[in-house]
Every structure is written in C-alpha cells, then in structure tokens.
Amino acid sequence: VQLQASGGGLVQAGGSLRLSCAASGSIFSGNVMGWYRQAPGKQRELVATIHNVGSTNYANSVKDRFTISRDNAKNVVYLQMNSLKPEDTAVYYCDYQPGNYWGKGTQVTVSS
C-alpha cells in the first residue's frame, strides 16, 4: 500500500487547513486510516482514525476542532482542521492499517 499525503502549509492561529491522503495498491476492505503528528522534540501521537465503515476516534486535544472523513470509492482520507492553534504545529503523517503503512509527512505550521 502506498500513501500520498497533501494539504499542509502555513496558517495563522484560528485558521483552517484540510489534509488529504490517497491510498493505492492492495487495499483491504476492512482497513483503518488515520492521521498522526509529530512535533519537534516530541513523540508521534494519534490525531484521528476512521474505519472504512465510518467509525472514528479522536485525540482529546483535537475533538470539536478537527474532522476526519473518507471517500472509500477513491481510497482517500481527509482531515479538516479548524480553529488551529500554534500547538497543532507538527509534521502530520497518514497511516493505513492493517500492515502499518505510513505516508511521507506533510508539515503544518500555525503561527500565533
């Protein structure tokens, strides 16, 4: 499975960004896709995940601000990020399970 992420960038606090991640290759129907992030000097942490049937899971720090969704026909997962804060600054990685596949990260920088 190959993952191609896009959509990162620089935004002011309070702004919005949408990340996209397209999966290709041998896609398993019961997969879970998600987003993780890693800030400088910190461990990679969960942001949100979504099962292909739609169930979702969010980190407490992003609940009510971020929304994960997916288009199963296109094998694409999205992360809509609203009300961004400087502490959301990190490299965001797309993840696909089963198999522990990771995409290259995309940088999100939120200025104060």
PDB file of N, CA and C in Angstrom:
ATOM      1  N   VAL A   1       0.854  -1.193   0.000  1.00  0.00           N
ATOM      2  CA  VAL A   1       0.000   0.000   0.000  1.00  0.00           C
ATOM      3  C   VAL A   1       0.886   1.238   0.000  1.00  0.00           C
ATOM      4  N   GLN A   2       0.566   2.171  -0.879  1.00  0.00           N
ATOM      5  CA  GLN A   2       1.286   3.450  -0.924  1.00  0.00           C
ATOM      6  C   GLN A   2       0.328   4.559  -0.497  1.00  0.00           C
ATOM      7  N   LEU A   3       0.877   5.502   0.252  1.00  0.00           N
ATOM      8  CA  LEU A   3       0.082   6.611   0.761  1.00  0.00           C
ATOM      9  C   LEU A   3       0.696   7.922   0.294  1.00  0.00           C
ATOM     10  N   GLN A   4      -0.149   8.793  -0.236  1.00  0.00           N
ATOM     11  CA  GLN A   4       0.307  10.103  -0.703  1.00  0.00           C
ATOM     12  C   GLN A   4      -0.489  11.177   0.016  1.00  0.00           C
ATOM     13  N   ALA A   5       0.192  11.914   0.869  1.00  0.00           N
ATOM     14  CA  ALA A   5      -0.470  12.961   1.647  1.00  0.00           C
ATOM     15  C   ALA A   5      -0.207  14.328   1.026  1.00  0.00           C
ATOM     16  N   SER A   6      -1.157  15.220   1.233  1.00  0.00           N
ATOM     17  CA  SER A   6      -1.013  16.589   0.741  1.00  0.00           C
ATOM     18  C   SER A   6      -1.868  17.524   1.579  1.00  0.00           C
ATOM     19  N   GLY A   7      -1.633  18.821   1.421  1.00  0.00           N
ATOM     20  CA  GLY A   7      -2.505  19.802   2.050  1.00  0.00           C
ATOM     21  C   GLY A   7      -1.916  20.580   3.193  1.00  0.00           C
ATOM     22  N   GLY A   8      -0.703  20.278   3.607  1.00  0.00           N
ATOM     23  CA  GLY A   8      -0.104  21.032   4.693  1.00  0.00           C
ATOM     24  C   GLY A   8       0.242  22.446   4.263  1.00  0.00           C
ATOM     25  N   GLY A   9       0.686  23.234   5.233  1.00  0.00           N
ATOM     26  CA  GLY A   9       1.068  24.599   4.915  1.00  0.00           C
ATOM     27  C   GLY A   9       1.179  25.453   6.154  1.00  0.00           C
ATOM     28  N   LEU A  10       1.253  26.750   5.908  1.00  0.00           N
ATOM     29  CA  LEU A  10       1.372  27.735   6.975  1.00  0.00           C
ATOM     30  C   LEU A  10       0.049  28.480   7.100  1.00  0.00           C
ATOM     31  N   VAL A  11      -0.441  28.583   8.315  1.00  0.00           N
ATOM     32  CA  VAL A  11      -1.714  29.262   8.543  1.00  0.00           C
ATOM     33  C   VAL A  11      -1.631  30.002   9.882  1.00  0.00           C
ATOM     34  N   GLN A  12      -2.396  31.073   9.997  1.00  0.00           N
ATOM     35  CA  GLN A  12      -2.451  31.796  11.257  1.00  0.00           C
ATOM     36  C   GLN A  12      -3.355  31.080  12.252  1.00  0.00           C
ATOM     37  N   ALA A  13      -3.111  31.328  13.510  1.00  0.00           N
ATOM     38  CA  ALA A  13      -3.967  30.757  14.552  1.00  0.00           C
ATOM     39  C   ALA A  13      -5.420  31.139  14.298  1.00  0.00           C
ATOM     40  N   GLY A  14      -6.292  30.154  14.480  1.00  0.00           N
ATOM     41  CA  GLY A  14      -7.705  30.354  14.195  1.00  0.00           C
ATOM     42  C   GLY A  14      -8.106  29.970  12.787  1.00  0.00           C
ATOM     43  N   GLY A  15      -7.127  29.728  11.952  1.00  0.00           N
ATOM     44  CA  GLY A  15      -7.405  29.375  10.569  1.00  0.00           C
ATOM     45  C   GLY A  15      -7.700  27.897  10.381  1.00  0.00           C
ATOM     46  N   SER A  16      -7.836  27.514   9.116  1.00  0.00           N
ATOM     47  CA  SER A  16      -8.198  26.140   8.772  1.00  0.00           C
ATOM     48  C   SER A  16      -7.283  25.597   7.680  1.00  0.00           C
ATOM     49  N   LEU A  17      -7.137  24.294   7.687  1.00  0.00           N
ATOM     50  CA  LEU A  17      -6.442  23.568   6.629  1.00  0.00           C
ATOM     51  C   LEU A  17      -7.150  22.234   6.443  1.00  0.00           C
ATOM     52  N   ARG A  18      -7.034  21.681   5.242  1.00  0.00           N
ATOM     53  CA  ARG A  18      -7.542  20.340   5.016  1.00  0.00           C
ATOM     54  C   ARG A  18      -6.417  19.477   4.447  1.00  0.00           C
ATOM     55  N   LEU A  19      -6.162  18.374   5.102  1.00  0.00           N
ATOM     56  CA  LEU A  19      -5.185  17.407   4.631  1.00  0.00           C
ATOM     57  C   LEU A  19      -5.901  16.281   3.885  1.00  0.00           C
ATOM     58  N   SER A  20      -5.217  15.751   2.897  1.00  0.00           N
ATOM     59  CA  SER A  20      -5.735  14.610   2.136  1.00  0.00           C
ATOM     60  C   SER A  20      -4.671  13.529   2.087  1.00  0.00           C
ATOM     61  N   CYS A  21      -5.108  12.287   2.041  1.00  0.00           N
ATOM     62  CA  CYS A  21      -4.180  11.166   1.898  1.00  0.00           C
ATOM     63  C   CYS A  21      -4.836  10.112   1.018  1.00  0.00           C
ATOM     64  N   ALA A  22      -4.201   9.838  -0.100  1.00  0.00           N
ATOM     65  CA  ALA A  22      -4.719   8.845  -1.036  1.00  0.00           C
ATOM     66  C   ALA A  22      -3.947   7.548  -0.896  1.00  0.00           C
ATOM     67  N   ALA A  23      -4.666   6.455  -0.763  1.00  0.00           N
ATOM     68  CA  ALA A  23      -4.066   5.130  -0.669  1.00  0.00           C
ATOM     69  C   ALA A  23      -4.190   4.421  -2.013  1.00  0.00           C
ATOM     70  N   SER A  24      -3.149   3.704  -2.378  1.00  0.00           N
ATOM     71  CA  SER A  24      -3.176   2.919  -3.611  1.00  0.00           C
ATOM     72  C   SER A  24      -2.476   1.594  -3.362  1.00  0.00           C
ATOM     73  N   GLY A  25      -2.734   0.647  -4.240  1.00  0.00           N
ATOM     74  CA  GLY A  25      -2.134  -0.666  -4.092  1.00  0.00           C
ATOM     75  C   GLY A  25      -3.165  -1.692  -3.643  1.00  0.00           C
ATOM     76  N   SER A  26      -2.742  -2.634  -2.812  1.00  0.00           N
ATOM     77  CA  SER A  26      -3.617  -3.728  -2.362  1.00  0.00           C
ATOM     78  C   SER A  26      -4.426  -3.266  -1.155  1.00  0.00           C
ATOM     79  N   ILE A  27      -5.594  -2.708  -1.439  1.00  0.00           N
ATOM     80  CA  ILE A  27      -6.423  -2.128  -0.384  1.00  0.00           C
ATOM     81  C   ILE A  27      -7.306  -3.213   0.216  1.00  0.00           C
ATOM     82  N   PHE A  28      -7.240  -3.363   1.524  1.00  0.00           N
ATOM     83  CA  PHE A  28      -8.064  -4.313   2.250  1.00  0.00           C
ATOM     84  C   PHE A  28      -9.372  -3.634   2.623  1.00  0.00           C
ATOM     85  N   SER A  29     -10.492  -4.325   2.423  1.00  0.00           N
ATOM     86  CA  SER A  29     -11.791  -3.682   2.619  1.00  0.00           C
ATOM     87  C   SER A  29     -12.037  -3.262   4.054  1.00  0.00           C
ATOM     88  N   GLY A  30     -11.472  -3.970   5.012  1.00  0.00           N
ATOM     89  CA  GLY A  30     -11.699  -3.638   6.418  1.00  0.00           C
ATOM     90  C   GLY A  30     -10.601  -2.773   7.010  1.00  0.00           C
ATOM     91  N   ASN A  31     -10.106  -1.830   6.245  1.00  0.00           N
ATOM     92  CA  ASN A  31      -8.960  -1.063   6.718  1.00  0.00           C
ATOM     93  C   ASN A  31      -9.349   0.098   7.620  1.00  0.00           C
ATOM     94  N   VAL A  32      -8.365   0.581   8.320  1.00  0.00           N
ATOM     95  CA  VAL A  32      -8.496   1.790   9.144  1.00  0.00           C
ATOM     96  C   VAL A  32      -7.428   2.763   8.663  1.00  0.00           C
ATOM     97  N   MET A  33      -7.829   3.976   8.409  1.00  0.00           N
ATOM     98  CA  MET A  33      -6.870   5.017   8.028  1.00  0.00           C
ATOM     99  C   MET A  33      -6.889   6.113   9.068  1.00  0.00           C
ATOM    100  N   GLY A  34      -5.780   6.789   9.189  1.00  0.00           N
ATOM    101  CA  GLY A  34      -5.730   7.811  10.222  1.00  0.00           C
ATOM    102  C   GLY A  34      -4.623   8.806  10.015  1.00  0.00           C
ATOM    103  N   TRP A  35      -4.603   9.751  10.932  1.00  0.00           N
ATOM    104  CA  TRP A  35      -3.584  10.787  10.944  1.00  0.00           C
ATOM    105  C   TRP A  35      -2.899  10.803  12.305  1.00  0.00           C
ATOM    106  N   TYR A  36      -1.593  10.917  12.241  1.00  0.00           N
ATOM    107  CA  TYR A  36      -0.771  11.098  13.426  1.00  0.00           C
ATOM    108  C   TYR A  36       0.070  12.348  13.194  1.00  0.00           C
ATOM    109  N   ARG A  37       0.640  12.858  14.256  1.00  0.00           N
ATOM    110  CA  ARG A  37       1.501  14.023  14.101  1.00  0.00           C
ATOM    111  C   ARG A  37       2.693  13.937  15.048  1.00  0.00           C
ATOM    112  N   GLN A  38       3.752  14.620  14.634  1.00  0.00           N
ATOM    113  CA  GLN A  38       4.957  14.655  15.455  1.00  0.00           C
ATOM    114  C   GLN A  38       5.509  16.062  15.446  1.00  0.00           C
ATOM    115  N   ALA A  39       5.540  16.655  16.626  1.00  0.00           N
ATOM    116  CA  ALA A  39       6.112  17.989  16.787  1.00  0.00           C
ATOM    117  C   ALA A  39       7.592  17.842  17.131  1.00  0.00           C
ATOM    118  N   PRO A  40       8.389  18.876  16.889  1.00  0.00           N
ATOM    119  CA  PRO A  40       9.822  18.801  17.205  1.00  0.00           C
ATOM    120  C   PRO A  40      10.065  18.426  18.653  1.00  0.00           C
ATOM    121  N   GLY A  41      10.905  17.425  18.867  1.00  0.00           N
ATOM    122  CA  GLY A  41      11.247  17.007  20.211  1.00  0.00           C
ATOM    123  C   GLY A  41      10.199  16.179  20.920  1.00  0.00           C
ATOM    124  N   LYS A  42       9.130  15.832  20.219  1.00  0.00           N
ATOM    125  CA  LYS A  42       8.055  15.058  20.843  1.00  0.00           C
ATOM    126  C   LYS A  42       7.829  13.752  20.094  1.00  0.00           C
ATOM    127  N   GLN A  43       7.158  12.834  20.755  1.00  0.00           N
ATOM    128  CA  GLN A  43       6.831  11.563  20.119  1.00  0.00           C
ATOM    129  C   GLN A  43       5.652  11.731  19.167  1.00  0.00           C
ATOM    130  N   ARG A  44       5.580  10.833  18.214  1.00  0.00           N
ATOM    131  CA  ARG A  44       4.439  10.831  17.307  1.00  0.00           C
ATOM    132  C   ARG A  44       3.183  10.481  18.110  1.00  0.00           C
ATOM    133  N   GLU A  45       2.104  11.196  17.825  1.00  0.00           N
ATOM    134  CA  GLU A  45       0.863  10.977  18.575  1.00  0.00           C
ATOM    135  C   GLU A  45      -0.326  10.852  17.639  1.00  0.00           C
ATOM    136  N   LEU A  46      -1.327  10.145  18.121  1.00  0.00           N
ATOM    137  CA  LEU A  46      -2.563   9.985  17.367  1.00  0.00           C
ATOM    138  C   LEU A  46      -3.293  11.312  17.243  1.00  0.00           C
ATOM    139  N   VAL A  47      -3.828  11.577  16.057  1.00  0.00           N
ATOM    140  CA  VAL A  47      -4.729  12.710  15.857  1.00  0.00           C
ATOM    141  C   VAL A  47      -6.157  12.184  15.697  1.00  0.00           C
ATOM    142  N   ALA A  48      -6.355  11.324  14.711  1.00  0.00           N
ATOM    143  CA  ALA A  48      -7.685  10.770  14.460  1.00  0.00           C
ATOM    144  C   ALA A  48      -7.568   9.559  13.553  1.00  0.00           C
ATOM    145  N   THR A  49      -8.510   8.630  13.713  1.00  0.00           N
ATOM    146  CA  THR A  49      -8.592   7.476  12.830  1.00  0.00           C
ATOM    147  C   THR A  49     -10.035   7.271  12.387  1.00  0.00           C
ATOM    148  N   ILE A  50     -10.177   6.582  11.259  1.00  0.00           N
ATOM    149  CA  ILE A  50     -11.513   6.284  10.743  1.00  0.00           C
ATOM    150  C   ILE A  50     -11.497   4.915  10.083  1.00  0.00           C
ATOM    151  N   HIS A  51     -12.454   4.076  10.489  1.00  0.00           N
ATOM    152  CA  HIS A  51     -12.611   2.764   9.890  1.00  0.00           C
ATOM    153  C   HIS A  51     -13.335   2.934   8.554  1.00  0.00           C
ATOM    154  N   ASN A  52     -13.202   1.951   7.687  1.00  0.00           N
ATOM    155  CA  ASN A  52     -13.835   2.105   6.376  1.00  0.00           C
ATOM    156  C   ASN A  52     -15.357   2.091   6.469  1.00  0.00           C
ATOM    157  N   VAL A  53     -15.924   1.635   7.622  1.00  0.00           N
ATOM    158  CA  VAL A  53     -17.377   1.702   7.787  1.00  0.00           C
ATOM    159  C   VAL A  53     -17.803   3.008   8.461  1.00  0.00           C
ATOM    160  N   GLY A  54     -16.811   3.833   8.793  1.00  0.00           N
ATOM    161  CA  GLY A  54     -17.139   5.177   9.256  1.00  0.00           C
ATOM    162  C   GLY A  54     -16.905   5.489  10.713  1.00  0.00           C
ATOM    163  N   SER A  55     -16.644   4.514  11.549  1.00  0.00           N
ATOM    164  CA  SER A  55     -16.414   4.817  12.965  1.00  0.00           C
ATOM    165  C   SER A  55     -15.111   5.598  13.120  1.00  0.00           C
ATOM    166  N   THR A  56     -15.129   6.569  14.019  1.00  0.00           N
ATOM    167  CA  THR A  56     -13.996   7.469  14.177  1.00  0.00           C
ATOM    168  C   THR A  56     -13.478   7.491  15.616  1.00  0.00           C
ATOM    169  N   ASN A  57     -12.243   7.963  15.737  1.00  0.00           N
ATOM    170  CA  ASN A  57     -11.608   8.116  17.036  1.00  0.00           C
ATOM    171  C   ASN A  57     -10.732   9.359  16.971  1.00  0.00           C
ATOM    172  N   TYR A  58     -10.805  10.205  18.002  1.00  0.00           N
ATOM    173  CA  TYR A  58     -10.045  11.451  18.009  1.00  0.00           C
ATOM    174  C   TYR A  58      -9.224  11.588  19.288  1.00  0.00           C
ATOM    175  N   ALA A  59      -8.095  12.251  19.168  1.00  0.00           N
ATOM    176  CA  ALA A  59      -7.368  12.680  20.348  1.00  0.00           C
ATOM    177  C   ALA A  59      -8.181  13.781  21.034  1.00  0.00           C
ATOM    178  N   ASN A  60      -8.131  13.805  22.353  1.00  0.00           N
ATOM    179  CA  ASN A  60      -8.898  14.822  23.093  1.00  0.00           C
ATOM    180  C   ASN A  60      -8.512  16.235  22.678  1.00  0.00           C
ATOM    181  N   SER A  61      -7.254  16.423  22.329  1.00  0.00           N
ATOM    182  CA  SER A  61      -6.761  17.761  22.021  1.00  0.00           C
ATOM    183  C   SER A  61      -7.346  18.334  20.730  1.00  0.00           C
ATOM    184  N   VAL A  62      -7.918  17.484  19.885  1.00  0.00           N
ATOM    185  CA  VAL A  62      -8.445  17.974  18.604  1.00  0.00           C
ATOM    186  C   VAL A  62      -9.952  17.797  18.461  1.00  0.00           C
ATOM    187  N   LYS A  63     -10.563  17.140  19.436  1.00  0.00           N
ATOM    188  CA  LYS A  63     -12.017  16.963  19.363  1.00  0.00           C
ATOM    189  C   LYS A  63     -12.702  18.317  19.245  1.00  0.00           C
ATOM    190  N   ASP A  64     -13.737  18.380  18.453  1.00  0.00           N
ATOM    191  CA  ASP A  64     -14.546  19.580  18.225  1.00  0.00           C
ATOM    192  C   ASP A  64     -13.847  20.606  17.346  1.00  0.00           C
ATOM    193  N   ARG A  65     -12.604  20.331  16.942  1.00  0.00           N
ATOM    194  CA  ARG A  65     -11.902  21.234  16.026  1.00  0.00           C
ATOM    195  C   ARG A  65     -11.555  20.539  14.712  1.00  0.00           C
ATOM    196  N   PHE A  66     -11.203  19.264  14.781  1.00  0.00           N
ATOM    197  CA  PHE A  66     -10.792  18.503  13.613  1.00  0.00           C
ATOM    198  C   PHE A  66     -11.881  17.494  13.260  1.00  0.00           C
ATOM    199  N   THR A  67     -12.018  17.230  11.970  1.00  0.00           N
ATOM    200  CA  THR A  67     -12.957  16.224  11.495  1.00  0.00           C
ATOM    201  C   THR A  67     -12.264  15.317  10.478  1.00  0.00           C
ATOM    202  N   ILE A  68     -12.297  14.025  10.750  1.00  0.00           N
ATOM    203  CA  ILE A  68     -11.741  13.059   9.806  1.00  0.00           C
ATOM    204  C   ILE A  68     -12.879  12.457   8.995  1.00  0.00           C
ATOM    205  N   SER A  69     -12.638  12.268   7.727  1.00  0.00           N
ATOM    206  CA  SER A  69     -13.636  11.663   6.852  1.00  0.00           C
ATOM    207  C   SER A  69     -12.916  10.885   5.763  1.00  0.00           C
ATOM    208  N   ARG A  70     -13.676  10.125   4.995  1.00  0.00           N
ATOM    209  CA  ARG A  70     -13.035   9.347   3.934  1.00  0.00           C
ATOM    210  C   ARG A  70     -13.987   9.124   2.778  1.00  0.00           C
ATOM    211  N   ASP A  71     -13.389   8.898   1.637  1.00  0.00           N
ATOM    212  CA  ASP A  71     -14.111   8.529   0.420  1.00  0.00           C
ATOM    213  C   ASP A  71     -13.625   7.134   0.043  1.00  0.00           C
ATOM    214  N   ASN A  72     -14.430   6.142   0.348  1.00  0.00           N
ATOM    215  CA  ASN A  72     -13.994   4.763   0.122  1.00  0.00           C
ATOM    216  C   ASN A  72     -13.845   4.440  -1.364  1.00  0.00           C
ATOM    217  N   ALA A  73     -14.636   5.077  -2.190  1.00  0.00           N
ATOM    218  CA  ALA A  73     -14.540   4.823  -3.631  1.00  0.00           C
ATOM    219  C   ALA A  73     -13.180   5.272  -4.176  1.00  0.00           C
ATOM    220  N   LYS A  74     -12.623   6.315  -3.564  1.00  0.00           N
ATOM    221  CA  LYS A  74     -11.344   6.850  -4.025  1.00  0.00           C
ATOM    222  C   LYS A  74     -10.188   6.433  -3.123  1.00  0.00           C
ATOM    223  N   ASN A  75     -10.495   5.757  -2.016  1.00  0.00           N
ATOM    224  CA  ASN A  75      -9.468   5.388  -1.027  1.00  0.00           C
ATOM    225  C   ASN A  75      -8.704   6.617  -0.535  1.00  0.00           C
ATOM    226  N   VAL A  76      -9.444   7.636  -0.210  1.00  0.00           N
ATOM    227  CA  VAL A  76      -8.861   8.887   0.275  1.00  0.00           C
ATOM    228  C   VAL A  76      -9.414   9.199   1.660  1.00  0.00           C
ATOM    229  N   VAL A  77      -8.534   9.630   2.542  1.00  0.00           N
ATOM    230  CA  VAL A  77      -8.943  10.083   3.864  1.00  0.00           C
ATOM    231  C   VAL A  77      -8.601  11.567   3.979  1.00  0.00           C
ATOM    232  N   TYR A  78      -9.486  12.303   4.632  1.00  0.00           N
ATOM    233  CA  TYR A  78      -9.317  13.740   4.795  1.00  0.00           C
ATOM    234  C   TYR A  78      -9.241  14.092   6.280  1.00  0.00           C
ATOM    235  N   LEU A  79      -8.570  15.183   6.554  1.00  0.00           N
ATOM    236  CA  LEU A  79      -8.569  15.738   7.899  1.00  0.00           C
ATOM    237  C   LEU A  79      -8.838  17.234   7.777  1.00  0.00           C
ATOM    238  N   GLN A  80     -10.048  17.630   8.148  1.00  0.00           N
ATOM    239  CA  GLN A  80     -10.396  19.037   8.163  1.00  0.00           C
ATOM    240  C   GLN A  80     -10.016  19.602   9.524  1.00  0.00           C
ATOM    241  N   MET A  81      -9.141  20.583   9.506  1.00  0.00           N
ATOM    242  CA  MET A  81      -8.625  21.155  10.750  1.00  0.00           C
ATOM    243  C   MET A  81      -9.088  22.602  10.844  1.00  0.00           C
ATOM    244  N   ASN A  82      -9.908  22.886  11.836  1.00  0.00           N
ATOM    245  CA  ASN A  82     -10.412  24.231  12.075  1.00  0.00           C
ATOM    246  C   ASN A  82      -9.900  24.761  13.403  1.00  0.00           C
ATOM    247  N   SER A  83     -10.018  26.057  13.576  1.00  0.00           N
ATOM    248  CA  SER A  83      -9.592  26.695  14.829  1.00  0.00           C
ATOM    249  C   SER A  83      -8.191  26.251  15.220  1.00  0.00           C
ATOM    250  N   LEU A  84      -7.290  26.291  14.269  1.00  0.00           N
ATOM    251  CA  LEU A  84      -5.926  25.809  14.502  1.00  0.00           C
ATOM    252  C   LEU A  84      -5.207  26.652  15.543  1.00  0.00           C
ATOM    253  N   LYS A  85      -4.379  25.977  16.322  1.00  0.00           N
ATOM    254  CA  LYS A  85      -3.602  26.606  17.382  1.00  0.00           C
ATOM    255  C   LYS A  85      -2.120  26.396  17.097  1.00  0.00           C
ATOM    256  N   PRO A  86      -1.268  27.269  17.631  1.00  0.00           N
ATOM    257  CA  PRO A  86       0.178  27.067  17.441  1.00  0.00           C
ATOM    258  C   PRO A  86       0.647  25.676  17.896  1.00  0.00           C
ATOM    259  N   GLU A  87       0.018  25.124  18.910  1.00  0.00           N
ATOM    260  CA  GLU A  87       0.414  23.794  19.381  1.00  0.00           C
ATOM    261  C   GLU A  87       0.013  22.668  18.430  1.00  0.00           C
ATOM    262  N   ASP A  88      -0.725  22.984  17.383  1.00  0.00           N
ATOM    263  CA  ASP A  88      -1.023  21.996  16.349  1.00  0.00           C
ATOM    264  C   ASP A  88       0.120  21.881  15.335  1.00  0.00           C
ATOM    265  N   THR A  89       1.107  22.755  15.460  1.00  0.00           N
ATOM    266  CA  THR A  89       2.249  22.712  14.550  1.00  0.00           C
ATOM    267  C   THR A  89       2.988  21.384  14.682  1.00  0.00           C
ATOM    268  N   ALA A  90       3.150  20.700  13.560  1.00  0.00           N
ATOM    269  CA  ALA A  90       3.777  19.377  13.568  1.00  0.00           C
ATOM    270  C   ALA A  90       3.866  18.878  12.137  1.00  0.00           C
ATOM    271  N   VAL A  91       4.578  17.788  11.975  1.00  0.00           N
ATOM    272  CA  VAL A  91       4.518  17.040  10.725  1.00  0.00           C
ATOM    273  C   VAL A  91       3.395  16.020  10.894  1.00  0.00           C
ATOM    274  N   TYR A  92       2.466  16.016   9.955  1.00  0.00           N
ATOM    275  CA  TYR A  92       1.312  15.132  10.007  1.00  0.00           C
ATOM    276  C   TYR A  92       1.540  13.951   9.058  1.00  0.00           C
ATOM    277  N   TYR A  93       1.292  12.759   9.584  1.00  0.00           N
ATOM    278  CA  TYR A  93       1.515  11.530   8.838  1.00  0.00           C
ATOM    279  C   TYR A  93       0.198  10.777   8.658  1.00  0.00           C
ATOM    280  N   CYS A  94       0.027  10.253   7.470  1.00  0.00           N
ATOM    281  CA  CYS A  94      -1.112   9.402   7.172  1.00  0.00           C
ATOM    282  C   CYS A  94      -0.737   7.949   7.472  1.00  0.00           C
ATOM    283  N   ASP A  95      -1.695   7.210   7.989  1.00  0.00           N
ATOM    284  CA  ASP A  95      -1.448   5.826   8.401  1.00  0.00           C
ATOM    285  C   ASP A  95      -2.526   4.925   7.824  1.00  0.00           C
ATOM    286  N   TYR A  96      -2.144   3.700   7.474  1.00  0.00           N
ATOM    287  CA  TYR A  96      -3.083   2.702   6.945  1.00  0.00           C
ATOM    288  C   TYR A  96      -2.841   1.388   7.683  1.00  0.00           C
ATOM    289  N   GLN A  97      -3.916   0.834   8.189  1.00  0.00           N
ATOM    290  CA  GLN A  97      -3.869  -0.477   8.833  1.00  0.00           C
ATOM    291  C   GLN A  97      -4.928  -1.370   8.198  1.00  0.00           C
ATOM    292  N   PRO A  98      -4.690  -2.666   8.051  1.00  0.00           N
ATOM    293  CA  PRO A  98      -3.575  -3.444   8.601  1.00  0.00           C
ATOM    294  C   PRO A  98      -2.293  -3.300   7.784  1.00  0.00           C
ATOM    295  N   GLY A  99      -1.198  -3.596   8.409  1.00  0.00           N
ATOM    296  CA  GLY A  99       0.082  -3.596   7.734  1.00  0.00           C
ATOM    297  C   GLY A  99       1.025  -2.494   8.159  1.00  0.00           C
ATOM    298  N   ASN A 100       0.520  -1.500   8.933  1.00  0.00           N
ATOM    299  CA  ASN A 100       1.376  -0.447   9.469  1.00  0.00           C
ATOM    300  C   ASN A 100       2.071   0.337   8.351  1.00  0.00           C
ATOM    301  N   TYR A 101       1.298   0.825   7.416  1.00  0.00           N
ATOM    302  CA  TYR A 101       1.830   1.631   6.318  1.00  0.00           C
ATOM    303  C   TYR A 101       1.755   3.114   6.703  1.00  0.00           C
ATOM    304  N   TRP A 102       2.802   3.836   6.325  1.00  0.00           N
ATOM    305  CA  TRP A 102       2.871   5.257   6.622  1.00  0.00           C
ATOM    306  C   TRP A 102       3.188   6.037   5.360  1.00  0.00           C
ATOM    307  N   GLY A 103       2.570   7.189   5.241  1.00  0.00           N
ATOM    308  CA  GLY A 103       2.927   8.093   4.161  1.00  0.00           C
ATOM    309  C   GLY A 103       4.020   9.043   4.600  1.00  0.00           C
ATOM    310  N   LYS A 104       4.597   9.737   3.639  1.00  0.00           N
ATOM    311  CA  LYS A 104       5.532  10.801   3.984  1.00  0.00           C
ATOM    312  C   LYS A 104       4.745  11.914   4.667  1.00  0.00           C
ATOM    313  N   GLY A 105       5.335  12.552   5.601  1.00  0.00           N
ATOM    314  CA  GLY A 105       4.639  13.566   6.359  1.00  0.00           C
ATOM    315  C   GLY A 105       4.420  14.841   5.580  1.00  0.00           C
ATOM    316  N   THR A 106       3.464  15.604   6.046  1.00  0.00           N
ATOM    317  CA  THR A 106       3.215  16.931   5.494  1.00  0.00           C
ATOM    318  C   THR A 106       3.245  17.931   6.650  1.00  0.00           C
ATOM    319  N   GLN A 107       3.963  19.014   6.441  1.00  0.00           N
ATOM    320  CA  GLN A 107       4.186  19.981   7.520  1.00  0.00           C
ATOM    321  C   GLN A 107       2.982  20.908   7.666  1.00  0.00           C
ATOM    322  N   VAL A 108       2.545  21.051   8.906  1.00  0.00           N
ATOM    323  CA  VAL A 108       1.519  22.037   9.248  1.00  0.00           C
ATOM    324  C   VAL A 108       2.147  22.994  10.254  1.00  0.00           C
ATOM    325  N   THR A 109       2.134  24.272   9.931  1.00  0.00           N
ATOM    326  CA  THR A 109       2.687  25.291  10.806  1.00  0.00           C
ATOM    327  C   THR A 109       1.619  26.326  11.090  1.00  0.00           C
ATOM    328  N   VAL A 110       1.364  26.545  12.382  1.00  0.00           N
ATOM    329  CA  VAL A 110       0.350  27.513  12.798  1.00  0.00           C
ATOM    330  C   VAL A 110       1.055  28.648  13.528  1.00  0.00           C
ATOM    331  N   SER A 111       0.962  29.826  12.980  1.00  0.00           N
ATOM    332  CA  SER A 111       1.621  30.979  13.579  1.00  0.00           C
ATOM    333  C   SER A 111       0.665  31.695  14.541  1.00  0.00           C
ATOM    334  N   SER A 112       1.250  32.265  15.573  1.00  0.00           N
ATOM    335  CA  SER A 112       0.423  32.960  16.588  1.00  0.00           C
ATOM    336  C   SER A 112       0.211  34.418  16.233  1.00  0.00           C
TER     337      SER A 112
END
